[in-house]
């Protein structure tokens, strides 16, 4: 009987051990399953973050391309502005020369007009003198004709 009691005790110990082992393995399994769920959740979060990082990287690359394009356009516009400024400087220089030339030509025109008025006065004076000379010549011719007629008549009387 003692043997039976001892065997029963051993059997109880074994059953307790098995129960404890079973409880422990169940708890371990639950713990492992919980950790697996947490790992799965972390894996999904990491993948979501990686996708987000990829998206951000692509967006950053697109933004960099846009910035590069804008910088290229700005550079082109700066070259155009520099060219236009150079052309405006040339136009300004030509404008100064043009204004000076116009001023010189206006002065020359005034001088030429004054000279023409002087020549016109001279021509008018010469025309008046010519007219006076013609009138004087006409009278001279008439006087000569009258003198010749008078002389002829006078000579006829003698």
C-alpha atoms as a PDB file:
ATOM      1  CA  UNK A   1       0.000   0.000   0.000  1.00  0.00           C
ATOM      2  CA  UNK A   2       2.765   2.248   0.687  1.00  0.00           C
ATOM      3  CA  UNK A   3       3.875   1.470  -2.727  1.00  0.00           C
ATOM      4  CA  UNK A   4       0.557   2.552  -4.060  1.00  0.00           C
ATOM      5  CA  UNK A   5       0.590   5.739  -2.097  1.00  0.00           C
ATOM      6  CA  UNK A   6       4.063   6.438  -3.287  1.00  0.00           C
ATOM      7  CA  UNK A   7       3.064   5.689  -6.857  1.00  0.00           C
ATOM      8  CA  UNK A   8       0.046   7.901  -6.397  1.00  0.00           C
ATOM      9  CA  UNK A   9       2.164  10.670  -5.086  1.00  0.00           C
ATOM     10  CA  UNK A  10       4.441  10.298  -8.008  1.00  0.00           C
ATOM     11  CA  UNK A  11       1.504  10.259 -10.281  1.00  0.00           C
ATOM     12  CA  UNK A  12       0.179  13.451  -8.632  1.00  0.00           C
ATOM     13  CA  UNK A  13       3.605  15.032  -8.980  1.00  0.00           C
ATOM     14  CA  UNK A  14       3.737  13.999 -12.597  1.00  0.00           C
ATOM     15  CA  UNK A  15       0.213  15.302 -13.163  1.00  0.00           C
ATOM     16  CA  UNK A  16       1.064  18.552 -11.389  1.00  0.00           C
ATOM     17  CA  UNK A  17       4.244  18.776 -13.396  1.00  0.00           C
ATOM     18  CA  UNK A  18       2.325  18.094 -16.593  1.00  0.00           C
ATOM     19  CA  UNK A  19      -0.335  20.640 -15.573  1.00  0.00           C
ATOM     20  CA  UNK A  20       2.347  23.188 -14.728  1.00  0.00           C
ATOM     21  CA  UNK A  21       4.198  22.324 -17.959  1.00  0.00           C
ATOM     22  CA  UNK A  22       0.959  22.601 -19.922  1.00  0.00           C
ATOM     23  CA  UNK A  23       0.094  25.957 -18.272  1.00  0.00           C
ATOM     24  CA  UNK A  24       3.617  27.164 -18.860  1.00  0.00           C
ATOM     25  CA  UNK A  25       3.609  26.119 -22.527  1.00  0.00           C
ATOM     26  CA  UNK A  26       0.152  27.682 -23.012  1.00  0.00           C
ATOM     27  CA  UNK A  27       1.367  30.901 -21.431  1.00  0.00           C
ATOM     28  CA  UNK A  28       4.508  30.723 -23.541  1.00  0.00           C
ATOM     29  CA  UNK A  29       2.442  30.077 -26.647  1.00  0.00           C
ATOM     30  CA  UNK A  30       0.200  33.069 -25.833  1.00  0.00           C
ATOM     31  CA  UNK A  31       3.269  35.174 -25.182  1.00  0.00           C
ATOM     32  CA  UNK A  32       4.826  34.009 -28.472  1.00  0.00           C
ATOM     33  CA  UNK A  33       1.559  34.654 -30.321  1.00  0.00           C
ATOM     34  CA  UNK A  34       1.343  38.139 -28.759  1.00  0.00           C
ATOM     35  CA  UNK A  35       4.942  38.836 -29.736  1.00  0.00           C
ATOM     36  CA  UNK A  36       4.261  37.480 -33.230  1.00  0.00           C
ATOM     37  CA  UNK A  37       1.279  39.837 -33.532  1.00  0.00           C
ATOM     38  CA  UNK A  38       3.434  42.716 -32.274  1.00  0.00           C
ATOM     39  CA  UNK A  39       6.206  41.739 -34.712  1.00  0.00           C
ATOM     40  CA  UNK A  40       3.665  41.556 -37.546  1.00  0.00           C
ATOM     41  CA  UNK A  41       2.319  44.970 -36.562  1.00  0.00           C
ATOM     42  CA  UNK A  42       5.867  46.383 -36.362  1.00  0.00           C
ATOM     43  CA  UNK A  43       6.702  44.766 -39.717  1.00  0.00           C
ATOM     44  CA  UNK A  44       3.625  46.389 -41.278  1.00  0.00           C
ATOM     45  CA  UNK A  45       4.498  49.755 -39.715  1.00  0.00           C
ATOM     46  CA  UNK A  46       8.111  49.478 -40.926  1.00  0.00           C
ATOM     47  CA  UNK A  47       6.888  48.608 -44.440  1.00  0.00           C
ATOM     48  CA  UNK A  48       4.459  51.547 -44.335  1.00  0.00           C
ATOM     49  CA  UNK A  49       7.293  53.834 -43.225  1.00  0.00           C
ATOM     50  CA  UNK A  50       9.584  52.439 -45.928  1.00  0.00           C
ATOM     51  CA  UNK A  51       6.877  53.083 -48.520  1.00  0.00           C
ATOM     52  CA  UNK A  52       6.450  56.565 -47.092  1.00  0.00           C
ATOM     53  CA  UNK A  53      10.226  57.132 -47.258  1.00  0.00           C
ATOM     54  CA  UNK A  54      10.246  55.909 -50.873  1.00  0.00           C
ATOM     55  CA  UNK A  55       7.391  58.276 -51.658  1.00  0.00           C
ATOM     56  CA  UNK A  56       9.186  61.145 -49.900  1.00  0.00           C
ATOM     57  CA  UNK A  57      12.396  60.293 -51.758  1.00  0.00           C
ATOM     58  CA  UNK A  58      10.552  60.321 -55.098  1.00  0.00           C
ATOM     59  CA  UNK A  59       8.870  63.608 -54.179  1.00  0.00           C
ATOM     60  CA  UNK A  60      12.223  65.073 -53.129  1.00  0.00           C
ATOM     61  CA  UNK A  61      13.706  63.954 -56.448  1.00  0.00           C
ATOM     62  CA  UNK A  62      10.796  65.589 -58.307  1.00  0.00           C
ATOM     63  CA  UNK A  63      11.216  68.779 -56.285  1.00  0.00           C
ATOM     64  CA  UNK A  64      14.967  68.730 -57.010  1.00  0.00           C
ATOM     65  CA  UNK A  65      14.232  68.392 -60.729  1.00  0.00           C
ATOM     66  CA  UNK A  66      11.788  71.307 -60.541  1.00  0.00           C
ATOM     67  CA  UNK A  67      14.348  73.389 -58.634  1.00  0.00           C
ATOM     68  CA  UNK A  68      17.032  72.482 -61.199  1.00  0.00           C
ATOM     69  CA  UNK A  69      14.669  73.447 -64.035  1.00  0.00           C
ATOM     70  CA  UNK A  70      13.806  76.715 -62.309  1.00  0.00           C
ATOM     71  CA  UNK A  71      17.495  77.453 -61.729  1.00  0.00           C
ATOM     72  CA  UNK A  72      18.161  76.736 -65.405  1.00  0.00           C
ATOM     73  CA  UNK A  73      15.306  79.043 -66.428  1.00  0.00           C
ATOM     74  CA  UNK A  74      16.516  81.738 -64.039  1.00  0.00           C
ATOM     75  CA  UNK A  75      20.003  81.405 -65.492  1.00  0.00           C
ATOM     76  CA  UNK A  76      18.614  81.732 -69.026  1.00  0.00           C
ATOM     77  CA  UNK A  77      16.539  84.766 -68.013  1.00  0.00           C
ATOM     78  CA  UNK A  78      19.576  86.341 -66.354  1.00  0.00           C
ATOM     79  CA  UNK A  79      21.495  85.869 -69.614  1.00  0.00           C
ATOM     80  CA  UNK A  80      18.605  87.435 -71.533  1.00  0.00           C
ATOM     81  CA  UNK A  81      18.473  90.337 -69.071  1.00  0.00           C
ATOM     82  CA  UNK A  82      22.243  90.815 -69.379  1.00  0.00           C
ATOM     83  CA  UNK A  83      21.906  90.795 -73.180  1.00  0.00           C
ATOM     84  CA  UNK A  84      19.038  93.278 -73.049  1.00  0.00           C
ATOM     85  CA  UNK A  85      20.991  95.488 -70.655  1.00  0.00           C
ATOM     86  CA  UNK A  86      23.935  95.427 -73.047  1.00  0.00           C
ATOM     87  CA  UNK A  87      21.615  96.304 -75.927  1.00  0.00           C
ATOM     88  CA  UNK A  88      20.028  99.092 -73.869  1.00  0.00           C
ATOM     89  CA  UNK A  89      23.501 100.457 -73.123  1.00  0.00           C
ATOM     90  CA  UNK A  90      24.226 100.432 -76.867  1.00  0.00           C
ATOM     91  CA  UNK A  91      20.863 102.092 -77.586  1.00  0.00           C
ATOM     92  CA  UNK A  92      21.625 104.707 -74.936  1.00  0.00           C
ATOM     93  CA  UNK A  93      25.018 105.353 -76.520  1.00  0.00           C
ATOM     94  CA  UNK A  94      23.433 105.550 -79.983  1.00  0.00           C
ATOM     95  CA  UNK A  95      20.769 107.865 -78.575  1.00  0.00           C
ATOM     96  CA  UNK A  96      23.434 110.227 -77.208  1.00  0.00           C
ATOM     97  CA  UNK A  97      25.260 110.209 -80.537  1.00  0.00           C
ATOM     98  CA  UNK A  98      21.932 110.650 -82.355  1.00  0.00           C
ATOM     99  CA  UNK A  99      20.933 113.618 -80.156  1.00  0.00           C
ATOM    100  CA  UNK A 100      24.369 115.195 -80.645  1.00  0.00           C
ATOM    101  CA  UNK A 101      24.124 114.639 -84.413  1.00  0.00           C
ATOM    102  CA  UNK A 102      20.596 116.138 -84.483  1.00  0.00           C
ATOM    103  CA  UNK A 103      21.875 119.147 -82.531  1.00  0.00           C
ATOM    104  CA  UNK A 104      24.786 119.547 -84.957  1.00  0.00           C
ATOM    105  CA  UNK A 105      22.438 119.228 -87.946  1.00  0.00           C
ATOM    106  CA  UNK A 106      19.990 121.751 -86.437  1.00  0.00           C
ATOM    107  CA  UNK A 107      22.860 124.212 -85.934  1.00  0.00           C
ATOM    108  CA  UNK A 108      24.072 123.574 -89.484  1.00  0.00           C
ATOM    109  CA  UNK A 109      20.504 124.041 -90.780  1.00  0.00           C
ATOM    110  CA  UNK A 110      20.171 127.371 -88.898  1.00  0.00           C
ATOM    111  CA  UNK A 111      23.525 128.491 -90.264  1.00  0.00           C
ATOM    112  CA  UNK A 112      22.528 127.402 -93.783  1.00  0.00           C
ATOM    113  CA  UNK A 113      19.159 129.182 -93.442  1.00  0.00           C
ATOM    114  CA  UNK A 114      20.902 132.361 -92.244  1.00  0.00           C
ATOM    115  CA  UNK A 115      23.350 132.065 -95.130  1.00  0.00           C
ATOM    116  CA  UNK A 116      20.450 131.538 -97.576  1.00  0.00           C
ATOM    117  CA  UNK A 117      18.606 134.592 -96.204  1.00  0.00           C
ATOM    118  CA  UNK A 118      21.784 136.626 -96.649  1.00  0.00           C
ATOM    119  CA  UNK A 119      22.175 135.341-100.201  1.00  0.00           C
ATOM    120  CA  UNK A 120      18.494 136.013-100.851  1.00  0.00           C
ATOM    121  CA  UNK A 121      18.933 139.618 -99.661  1.00  0.00           C
ATOM    122  CA  UNK A 122      21.971 139.914-101.926  1.00  0.00           C
ATOM    123  CA  UNK A 123      19.974 138.485-104.843  1.00  0.00           C
ATOM    124  CA  UNK A 124      17.102 140.900-104.149  1.00  0.00           C
ATOM    125  CA  UNK A 125      19.561 143.810-103.973  1.00  0.00           C
ATOM    126  CA  UNK A 126      21.227 142.660-107.191  1.00  0.00           C
ATOM    127  CA  UNK A 127      17.824 142.230-108.867  1.00  0.00           C
ATOM    128  CA  UNK A 128      16.877 145.760-107.744  1.00  0.00           C
ATOM    129  CA  UNK A 129      20.198 147.053-109.069  1.00  0.00           C
ATOM    130  CA  UNK A 130      19.665 145.130-112.304  1.00  0.00           C
ATOM    131  CA  UNK A 131      16.173 146.537-112.634  1.00  0.00           C
ATOM    132  CA  UNK A 132      17.499 150.031-111.941  1.00  0.00           C
ATOM    133  CA  UNK A 133      20.239 149.446-114.479  1.00  0.00           C
ATOM    134  CA  UNK A 134      17.714 148.200-117.019  1.00  0.00           C
ATOM    135  CA  UNK A 135      15.546 151.249-116.418  1.00  0.00           C
ATOM    136  CA  UNK A 136      18.608 153.456-116.606  1.00  0.00           C
ATOM    137  CA  UNK A 137      19.684 151.655-119.771  1.00  0.00           C
ATOM    138  CA  UNK A 138      16.220 152.047-121.275  1.00  0.00           C
ATOM    139  CA  UNK A 139      16.328 155.752-120.545  1.00  0.00           C
ATOM    140  CA  UNK A 140      19.867 155.903-121.878  1.00  0.00           C
ATOM    141  CA  UNK A 141      18.753 154.174-125.065  1.00  0.00           C
ATOM    142  CA  UNK A 142      15.761 156.478-125.344  1.00  0.00           C
ATOM    143  CA  UNK A 143      17.974 159.494-124.683  1.00  0.00           C
ATOM    144  CA  UNK A 144      20.360 158.291-127.349  1.00  0.00           C
ATOM    145  CA  UNK A 145      17.518 157.705-129.776  1.00  0.00           C
ATOM    146  CA  UNK A 146      16.071 161.115-129.033  1.00  0.00           C
ATOM    147  CA  UNK A 147      19.528 162.650-129.287  1.00  0.00           C
ATOM    148  CA  UNK A 148      20.097 160.928-132.607  1.00  0.00           C
ATOM    149  CA  UNK A 149      16.743 162.101-133.900  1.00  0.00           C
ATOM    150  CA  UNK A 150      17.392 165.578-132.609  1.00  0.00           C
ATOM    151  CA  UNK A 151      20.835 165.603-134.150  1.00  0.00           C
ATOM    152  CA  UNK A 152      19.454 164.360-137.387  1.00  0.00           C
ATOM    153  CA  UNK A 153      16.838 167.049-137.382  1.00  0.00           C
ATOM    154  CA  UNK A 154      19.376 169.578-136.319  1.00  0.00           C
ATOM    155  CA  UNK A 155      21.739 168.443-138.971  1.00  0.00           C
ATOM    156  CA  UNK A 156      19.037 168.687-141.512  1.00  0.00           C
ATOM    157  CA  UNK A 157      18.527 172.281-140.726  1.00  0.00           C
ATOM    158  CA  UNK A 158      22.120 173.138-141.306  1.00  0.00           C
END
